[in-house]
Amino acid sequence: MNEKQIKALAKRNAAKAAKVKPSSQRAYDQTVEKTRKSFFATNPDAQFHKGINEFYPLPQNQIDIENSKGTVYLKQNPGYN
């Protein structure tokens, strides 16, 4: 392919891409979240623990990397020590 053919192909592809309408793409549907069962409905034995379940634990290797220079920049979230 020469340069002229490449430019023509790029122009055609750009025109095709411009014709794609947002309605043809899958849009986020808020009703999905409204009708989704909660975790507590799925697992009735699940319990919420205040002070622990608000945060996820940080990976120890990430804490070690961030604090490797001696200064503490990153600490484990409460309840996961």
PDB file of N, CA and C in Angstrom:
ATOM      1  N   MET A   1       0.839  -1.185   0.000  1.00  0.00           N
ATOM      2  CA  MET A   1       0.000   0.000   0.000  1.00  0.00           C
ATOM      3  C   MET A   1       0.873   1.232   0.000  1.00  0.00           C
ATOM      4  N   ASN A   2       0.495   2.171  -0.810  1.00  0.00           N
ATOM      5  CA  ASN A   2       1.246   3.420  -0.793  1.00  0.00           C
ATOM      6  C   ASN A   2       0.604   4.394   0.195  1.00  0.00           C
ATOM      7  N   GLU A   3       1.246   5.522   0.367  1.00  0.00           N
ATOM      8  CA  GLU A   3       0.799   6.503   1.352  1.00  0.00           C
ATOM      9  C   GLU A   3      -0.600   7.033   1.041  1.00  0.00           C
ATOM     10  N   LYS A   4      -0.906   7.218  -0.216  1.00  0.00           N
ATOM     11  CA  LYS A   4      -2.218   7.735  -0.625  1.00  0.00           C
ATOM     12  C   LYS A   4      -3.319   6.730  -0.257  1.00  0.00           C
ATOM     13  N   GLN A   5      -3.070   5.454  -0.482  1.00  0.00           N
ATOM     14  CA  GLN A   5      -4.044   4.417  -0.146  1.00  0.00           C
ATOM     15  C   GLN A   5      -4.249   4.318   1.368  1.00  0.00           C
ATOM     16  N   ILE A   6      -3.178   4.465   2.117  1.00  0.00           N
ATOM     17  CA  ILE A   6      -3.262   4.404   3.581  1.00  0.00           C
ATOM     18  C   ILE A   6      -4.109   5.556   4.109  1.00  0.00           C
ATOM     19  N   LYS A   7      -3.886   6.770   3.567  1.00  0.00           N
ATOM     20  CA  LYS A   7      -4.664   7.927   3.998  1.00  0.00           C
ATOM     21  C   LYS A   7      -6.138   7.754   3.657  1.00  0.00           C
ATOM     22  N   ALA A   8      -6.432   7.210   2.479  1.00  0.00           N
ATOM     23  CA  ALA A   8      -7.821   6.996   2.074  1.00  0.00           C
ATOM     24  C   ALA A   8      -8.487   5.968   2.993  1.00  0.00           C
ATOM     25  N   LEU A   9      -7.769   4.925   3.338  1.00  0.00           N
ATOM     26  CA  LEU A   9      -8.296   3.901   4.227  1.00  0.00           C
ATOM     27  C   LEU A   9      -8.552   4.472   5.625  1.00  0.00           C
ATOM     28  N   ALA A  10      -7.623   5.274   6.099  1.00  0.00           N
ATOM     29  CA  ALA A  10      -7.776   5.907   7.413  1.00  0.00           C
ATOM     30  C   ALA A  10      -8.984   6.838   7.423  1.00  0.00           C
ATOM     31  N   LYS A  11      -9.189   7.565   6.325  1.00  0.00           N
ATOM     32  CA  LYS A  11     -10.320   8.475   6.222  1.00  0.00           C
ATOM     33  C   LYS A  11     -11.639   7.696   6.244  1.00  0.00           C
ATOM     34  N   ARG A  12     -11.701   6.573   5.519  1.00  0.00           N
ATOM     35  CA  ARG A  12     -12.909   5.741   5.501  1.00  0.00           C
ATOM     36  C   ARG A  12     -13.200   5.159   6.884  1.00  0.00           C
ATOM     37  N   ASN A  13     -12.159   4.687   7.555  1.00  0.00           N
ATOM     38  CA  ASN A  13     -12.343   4.127   8.895  1.00  0.00           C
ATOM     39  C   ASN A  13     -12.808   5.189   9.883  1.00  0.00           C
ATOM     40  N   ALA A  14     -12.291   6.394   9.751  1.00  0.00           N
ATOM     41  CA  ALA A  14     -12.718   7.488  10.621  1.00  0.00           C
ATOM     42  C   ALA A  14     -14.182   7.827  10.369  1.00  0.00           C
ATOM     43  N   ALA A  15     -14.597   7.801   9.112  1.00  0.00           N
ATOM     44  CA  ALA A  15     -15.992   8.086   8.778  1.00  0.00           C
ATOM     45  C   ALA A  15     -16.911   7.010   9.351  1.00  0.00           C
ATOM     46  N   LYS A  16     -16.494   5.753   9.272  1.00  0.00           N
ATOM     47  CA  LYS A  16     -17.288   4.663   9.848  1.00  0.00           C
ATOM     48  C   LYS A  16     -17.401   4.817  11.357  1.00  0.00           C
ATOM     49  N   ALA A  17     -16.304   5.156  11.989  1.00  0.00           N
ATOM     50  CA  ALA A  17     -16.309   5.318  13.440  1.00  0.00           C
ATOM     51  C   ALA A  17     -17.210   6.468  13.866  1.00  0.00           C
ATOM     52  N   ALA A  18     -17.265   7.526  13.072  1.00  0.00           N
ATOM     53  CA  ALA A  18     -18.104   8.676  13.391  1.00  0.00           C
ATOM     54  C   ALA A  18     -19.586   8.339  13.280  1.00  0.00           C
ATOM     55  N   LYS A  19     -19.925   7.328  12.478  1.00  0.00           N
ATOM     56  CA  LYS A  19     -21.324   6.958  12.292  1.00  0.00           C
ATOM     57  C   LYS A  19     -21.873   6.104  13.431  1.00  0.00           C
ATOM     58  N   VAL A  20     -20.999   5.568  14.274  1.00  0.00           N
ATOM     59  CA  VAL A  20     -21.455   4.749  15.396  1.00  0.00           C
ATOM     60  C   VAL A  20     -22.202   5.646  16.366  1.00  0.00           C
ATOM     61  N   LYS A  21     -23.428   5.275  16.644  1.00  0.00           N
ATOM     62  CA  LYS A  21     -24.265   6.091  17.530  1.00  0.00           C
ATOM     63  C   LYS A  21     -24.222   5.525  18.942  1.00  0.00           C
ATOM     64  N   PRO A  22     -24.279   6.401  19.942  1.00  0.00           N
ATOM     65  CA  PRO A  22     -24.260   5.921  21.327  1.00  0.00           C
ATOM     66  C   PRO A  22     -25.385   4.930  21.624  1.00  0.00           C
ATOM     67  N   SER A  23     -26.523   5.070  20.945  1.00  0.00           N
ATOM     68  CA  SER A  23     -27.632   4.159  21.213  1.00  0.00           C
ATOM     69  C   SER A  23     -27.304   2.733  20.775  1.00  0.00           C
ATOM     70  N   SER A  24     -26.380   2.580  19.830  1.00  0.00           N
ATOM     71  CA  SER A  24     -26.009   1.242  19.396  1.00  0.00           C
ATOM     72  C   SER A  24     -25.027   0.597  20.363  1.00  0.00           C
ATOM     73  N   GLN A  25     -24.429   1.403  21.233  1.00  0.00           N
ATOM     74  CA  GLN A  25     -23.526   0.869  22.241  1.00  0.00           C
ATOM     75  C   GLN A  25     -24.340   0.545  23.489  1.00  0.00           C
ATOM     76  N   ARG A  26     -23.890  -0.417  24.264  1.00  0.00           N
ATOM     77  CA  ARG A  26     -24.635  -0.797  25.461  1.00  0.00           C
ATOM     78  C   ARG A  26     -24.515   0.314  26.495  1.00  0.00           C
ATOM     79  N   ALA A  27     -25.623   0.899  26.819  1.00  0.00           N
ATOM     80  CA  ALA A  27     -25.640   1.974  27.802  1.00  0.00           C
ATOM     81  C   ALA A  27     -25.867   1.375  29.189  1.00  0.00           C
ATOM     82  N   TYR A  28     -25.368   2.037  30.202  1.00  0.00           N
ATOM     83  CA  TYR A  28     -25.556   1.574  31.566  1.00  0.00           C
ATOM     84  C   TYR A  28     -27.020   1.733  31.946  1.00  0.00           C
ATOM     85  N   ASP A  29     -27.588   0.708  32.483  1.00  0.00           N
ATOM     86  CA  ASP A  29     -28.992   0.715  32.854  1.00  0.00           C
ATOM     87  C   ASP A  29     -29.092   0.728  34.375  1.00  0.00           C
ATOM     88  N   GLN A  30     -29.607   1.808  34.929  1.00  0.00           N
ATOM     89  CA  GLN A  30     -29.678   1.945  36.378  1.00  0.00           C
ATOM     90  C   GLN A  30     -30.636   0.950  37.011  1.00  0.00           C
ATOM     91  N   THR A  31     -31.577   0.419  36.226  1.00  0.00           N
ATOM     92  CA  THR A  31     -32.517  -0.537  36.803  1.00  0.00           C
ATOM     93  C   THR A  31     -31.806  -1.820  37.220  1.00  0.00           C
ATOM     94  N   VAL A  32     -30.684  -2.118  36.608  1.00  0.00           N
ATOM     95  CA  VAL A  32     -29.926  -3.313  36.989  1.00  0.00           C
ATOM     96  C   VAL A  32     -29.506  -3.209  38.449  1.00  0.00           C
ATOM     97  N   GLU A  33     -28.973  -2.070  38.839  1.00  0.00           N
ATOM     98  CA  GLU A  33     -28.529  -1.891  40.221  1.00  0.00           C
ATOM     99  C   GLU A  33     -29.711  -1.867  41.182  1.00  0.00           C
ATOM    100  N   LYS A  34     -30.830  -1.302  40.765  1.00  0.00           N
ATOM    101  CA  LYS A  34     -31.996  -1.220  41.640  1.00  0.00           C
ATOM    102  C   LYS A  34     -32.615  -2.579  41.888  1.00  0.00           C
ATOM    103  N   THR A  35     -32.502  -3.489  40.947  1.00  0.00           N
ATOM    104  CA  THR A  35     -33.127  -4.805  41.094  1.00  0.00           C
ATOM    105  C   THR A  35     -32.146  -5.877  41.564  1.00  0.00           C
ATOM    106  N   ARG A  36     -30.891  -5.533  41.700  1.00  0.00           N
ATOM    107  CA  ARG A  36     -29.872  -6.508  42.126  1.00  0.00           C
ATOM    108  C   ARG A  36     -30.059  -6.843  43.612  1.00  0.00           C
ATOM    109  N   LYS A  37     -29.989  -8.125  43.951  1.00  0.00           N
ATOM    110  CA  LYS A  37     -30.097  -8.536  45.342  1.00  0.00           C
ATOM    111  C   LYS A  37     -28.873  -8.070  46.109  1.00  0.00           C
ATOM    112  N   SER A  38     -29.078  -7.705  47.365  1.00  0.00           N
ATOM    113  CA  SER A  38     -27.935  -7.318  48.178  1.00  0.00           C
ATOM    114  C   SER A  38     -27.174  -8.569  48.599  1.00  0.00           C
ATOM    115  N   PHE A  39     -25.964  -8.385  49.007  1.00  0.00           N
ATOM    116  CA  PHE A  39     -25.153  -9.504  49.471  1.00  0.00           C
ATOM    117  C   PHE A  39     -25.797 -10.158  50.686  1.00  0.00           C
ATOM    118  N   PHE A  40     -26.413  -9.345  51.523  1.00  0.00           N
ATOM    119  CA  PHE A  40     -27.012  -9.865  52.747  1.00  0.00           C
ATOM    120  C   PHE A  40     -28.262 -10.690  52.447  1.00  0.00           C
ATOM    121  N   ALA A  41     -28.944 -10.411  51.337  1.00  0.00           N
ATOM    122  CA  ALA A  41     -30.090 -11.232  50.935  1.00  0.00           C
ATOM    123  C   ALA A  41     -29.609 -12.554  50.359  1.00  0.00           C
ATOM    124  N   THR A  42     -28.480 -12.543  49.684  1.00  0.00           N
ATOM    125  CA  THR A  42     -27.913 -13.756  49.091  1.00  0.00           C
ATOM    126  C   THR A  42     -27.331 -14.668  50.156  1.00  0.00           C
ATOM    127  N   ASN A  43     -26.684 -14.073  51.152  1.00  0.00           N
ATOM    128  CA  ASN A  43     -26.052 -14.842  52.231  1.00  0.00           C
ATOM    129  C   ASN A  43     -26.620 -14.344  53.564  1.00  0.00           C
ATOM    130  N   PRO A  44     -27.691 -14.973  54.068  1.00  0.00           N
ATOM    131  CA  PRO A  44     -28.323 -14.483  55.298  1.00  0.00           C
ATOM    132  C   PRO A  44     -27.426 -14.576  56.531  1.00  0.00           C
ATOM    133  N   ASP A  45     -26.357 -15.369  56.488  1.00  0.00           N
ATOM    134  CA  ASP A  45     -25.445 -15.475  57.626  1.00  0.00           C
ATOM    135  C   ASP A  45     -24.408 -14.358  57.645  1.00  0.00           C
ATOM    136  N   ALA A  46     -24.361 -13.542  56.598  1.00  0.00           N
ATOM    137  CA  ALA A  46     -23.378 -12.455  56.525  1.00  0.00           C
ATOM    138  C   ALA A  46     -23.685 -11.411  57.586  1.00  0.00           C
ATOM    139  N   GLN A  47     -22.635 -10.872  58.167  1.00  0.00           N
ATOM    140  CA  GLN A  47     -22.795  -9.841  59.184  1.00  0.00           C
ATOM    141  C   GLN A  47     -21.902  -8.663  58.852  1.00  0.00           C
ATOM    142  N   PHE A  48     -22.385  -7.486  59.182  1.00  0.00           N
ATOM    143  CA  PHE A  48     -21.605  -6.269  58.987  1.00  0.00           C
ATOM    144  C   PHE A  48     -20.924  -5.937  60.301  1.00  0.00           C
ATOM    145  N   HIS A  49     -19.613  -5.727  60.263  1.00  0.00           N
ATOM    146  CA  HIS A  49     -18.850  -5.385  61.457  1.00  0.00           C
ATOM    147  C   HIS A  49     -18.345  -3.956  61.325  1.00  0.00           C
ATOM    148  N   LYS A  50     -18.920  -3.072  62.144  1.00  0.00           N
ATOM    149  CA  LYS A  50     -18.509  -1.673  62.104  1.00  0.00           C
ATOM    150  C   LYS A  50     -17.033  -1.567  62.479  1.00  0.00           C
ATOM    151  N   GLY A  51     -16.310  -0.771  61.726  1.00  0.00           N
ATOM    152  CA  GLY A  51     -14.883  -0.587  61.970  1.00  0.00           C
ATOM    153  C   GLY A  51     -14.019  -1.534  61.154  1.00  0.00           C
ATOM    154  N   ILE A  52     -14.613  -2.592  60.588  1.00  0.00           N
ATOM    155  CA  ILE A  52     -13.854  -3.533  59.772  1.00  0.00           C
ATOM    156  C   ILE A  52     -14.369  -3.544  58.341  1.00  0.00           C
ATOM    157  N   ASN A  53     -15.669  -3.666  58.174  1.00  0.00           N
ATOM    158  CA  ASN A  53     -16.229  -3.832  56.843  1.00  0.00           C
ATOM    159  C   ASN A  53     -16.354  -2.543  56.030  1.00  0.00           C
ATOM    160  N   GLU A  54     -15.951  -1.411  56.575  1.00  0.00           N
ATOM    161  CA  GLU A  54     -15.978  -0.184  55.778  1.00  0.00           C
ATOM    162  C   GLU A  54     -14.836  -0.138  54.776  1.00  0.00           C
ATOM    163  N   PHE A  55     -13.760  -0.837  55.056  1.00  0.00           N
ATOM    164  CA  PHE A  55     -12.572  -0.797  54.212  1.00  0.00           C
ATOM    165  C   PHE A  55     -12.096  -2.204  53.895  1.00  0.00           C
ATOM    166  N   TYR A  56     -11.390  -2.341  52.797  1.00  0.00           N
ATOM    167  CA  TYR A  56     -10.728  -3.601  52.459  1.00  0.00           C
ATOM    168  C   TYR A  56      -9.299  -3.547  52.982  1.00  0.00           C
ATOM    169  N   PRO A  57      -8.691  -4.684  53.258  1.00  0.00           N
ATOM    170  CA  PRO A  57      -7.285  -4.668  53.667  1.00  0.00           C
ATOM    171  C   PRO A  57      -6.392  -4.288  52.496  1.00  0.00           C
ATOM    172  N   LEU A  58      -5.311  -3.591  52.791  1.00  0.00           N
ATOM    173  CA  LEU A  58      -4.331  -3.244  51.767  1.00  0.00           C
ATOM    174  C   LEU A  58      -3.345  -4.399  51.641  1.00  0.00           C
ATOM    175  N   PRO A  59      -2.903  -4.717  50.445  1.00  0.00           N
ATOM    176  CA  PRO A  59      -1.907  -5.786  50.283  1.00  0.00           C
ATOM    177  C   PRO A  59      -0.602  -5.418  50.985  1.00  0.00           C
ATOM    178  N   GLN A  60      -0.068  -6.351  51.769  1.00  0.00           N
ATOM    179  CA  GLN A  60       1.143  -6.079  52.545  1.00  0.00           C
ATOM    180  C   GLN A  60       2.311  -5.699  51.649  1.00  0.00           C
ATOM    181  N   ASN A  61       2.429  -6.327  50.470  1.00  0.00           N
ATOM    182  CA  ASN A  61       3.549  -5.990  49.585  1.00  0.00           C
ATOM    183  C   ASN A  61       3.463  -4.538  49.112  1.00  0.00           C
ATOM    184  N   GLN A  62       2.254  -4.005  48.936  1.00  0.00           N
ATOM    185  CA  GLN A  62       2.105  -2.609  48.529  1.00  0.00           C
ATOM    186  C   GLN A  62       2.512  -1.676  49.669  1.00  0.00           C
ATOM    187  N   ILE A  63       2.146  -2.028  50.888  1.00  0.00           N
ATOM    188  CA  ILE A  63       2.554  -1.234  52.054  1.00  0.00           C
ATOM    189  C   ILE A  63       4.077  -1.224  52.155  1.00  0.00           C
ATOM    190  N   ASP A  64       4.698  -2.396  51.986  1.00  0.00           N
ATOM    191  CA  ASP A  64       6.160  -2.491  52.064  1.00  0.00           C
ATOM    192  C   ASP A  64       6.847  -1.652  50.993  1.00  0.00           C
ATOM    193  N   ILE A  65       6.318  -1.672  49.776  1.00  0.00           N
ATOM    194  CA  ILE A  65       6.902  -0.880  48.679  1.00  0.00           C
ATOM    195  C   ILE A  65       6.814   0.610  48.988  1.00  0.00           C
ATOM    196  N   GLU A  66       5.639   1.058  49.420  1.00  0.00           N
ATOM    197  CA  GLU A  66       5.433   2.495  49.685  1.00  0.00           C
ATOM    198  C   GLU A  66       6.297   2.994  50.844  1.00  0.00           C
ATOM    199  N   ASN A  67       6.524   2.143  51.831  1.00  0.00           N
ATOM    200  CA  ASN A  67       7.269   2.551  53.026  1.00  0.00           C
ATOM    201  C   ASN A  67       8.734   2.132  52.990  1.00  0.00           C
ATOM    202  N   SER A  68       9.248   1.688  51.850  1.00  0.00           N
ATOM    203  CA  SER A  68      10.605   1.141  51.758  1.00  0.00           C
ATOM    204  C   SER A  68      11.706   2.167  52.011  1.00  0.00           C
ATOM    205  N   LYS A  69      11.434   3.444  51.866  1.00  0.00           N
ATOM    206  CA  LYS A  69      12.470   4.469  52.070  1.00  0.00           C
ATOM    207  C   LYS A  69      12.617   4.859  53.533  1.00  0.00           C
ATOM    208  N   GLY A  70      11.781   4.293  54.430  1.00  0.00           N
ATOM    209  CA  GLY A  70      11.896   4.598  55.856  1.00  0.00           C
ATOM    210  C   GLY A  70      10.773   5.469  56.383  1.00  0.00           C
ATOM    211  N   THR A  71      10.180   6.283  55.534  1.00  0.00           N
ATOM    212  CA  THR A  71       9.070   7.118  55.949  1.00  0.00           C
ATOM    213  C   THR A  71       7.769   6.348  55.740  1.00  0.00           C
ATOM    214  N   VAL A  72       6.890   6.402  56.736  1.00  0.00           N
ATOM    215  CA  VAL A  72       5.626   5.680  56.643  1.00  0.00           C
ATOM    216  C   VAL A  72       4.615   6.544  55.881  1.00  0.00           C
ATOM    217  N   TYR A  73       4.341   6.126  54.644  1.00  0.00           N
ATOM    218  CA  TYR A  73       3.361   6.815  53.815  1.00  0.00           C
ATOM    219  C   TYR A  73       2.025   6.086  53.813  1.00  0.00           C
ATOM    220  N   LEU A  74       2.075   4.781  54.055  1.00  0.00           N
ATOM    221  CA  LEU A  74       0.887   3.954  53.912  1.00  0.00           C
ATOM    222  C   LEU A  74       0.781   3.014  55.099  1.00  0.00           C
ATOM    223  N   LYS A  75      -0.392   3.000  55.743  1.00  0.00           N
ATOM    224  CA  LYS A  75      -0.636   2.109  56.881  1.00  0.00           C
ATOM    225  C   LYS A  75      -1.820   1.205  56.539  1.00  0.00           C
ATOM    226  N   GLN A  76      -1.869   0.060  57.187  1.00  0.00           N
ATOM    227  CA  GLN A  76      -2.972  -0.872  56.987  1.00  0.00           C
ATOM    228  C   GLN A  76      -4.273  -0.248  57.499  1.00  0.00           C
ATOM    229  N   ASN A  77      -5.360  -0.532  56.826  1.00  0.00           N
ATOM    230  CA  ASN A  77      -6.665  -0.041  57.270  1.00  0.00           C
ATOM    231  C   ASN A  77      -7.016  -0.615  58.628  1.00  0.00           C
ATOM    232  N   PRO A  78      -7.797   0.134  59.416  1.00  0.00           N
ATOM    233  CA  PRO A  78      -8.150  -0.331  60.768  1.00  0.00           C
ATOM    234  C   PRO A  78      -8.844  -1.687  60.740  1.00  0.00           C
ATOM    235  N   GLY A  79      -8.516  -2.541  61.713  1.00  0.00           N
ATOM    236  CA  GLY A  79      -9.141  -3.832  61.834  1.00  0.00           C
ATOM    237  C   GLY A  79      -8.437  -4.941  61.074  1.00  0.00           C
ATOM    238  N   TYR A  80      -7.361  -4.640  60.361  1.00  0.00           N
ATOM    239  CA  TYR A  80      -6.640  -5.654  59.585  1.00  0.00           C
ATOM    240  C   TYR A  80      -5.198  -5.816  60.008  1.00  0.00           C
ATOM    241  N   ASN A  81      -4.841  -5.370  61.196  1.00  0.00           N
ATOM    242  CA  ASN A  81      -3.444  -5.477  61.653  1.00  0.00           C
ATOM    243  C   ASN A  81      -3.106  -6.875  62.059  1.00  0.00           C
TER     244      ASN A  81
END
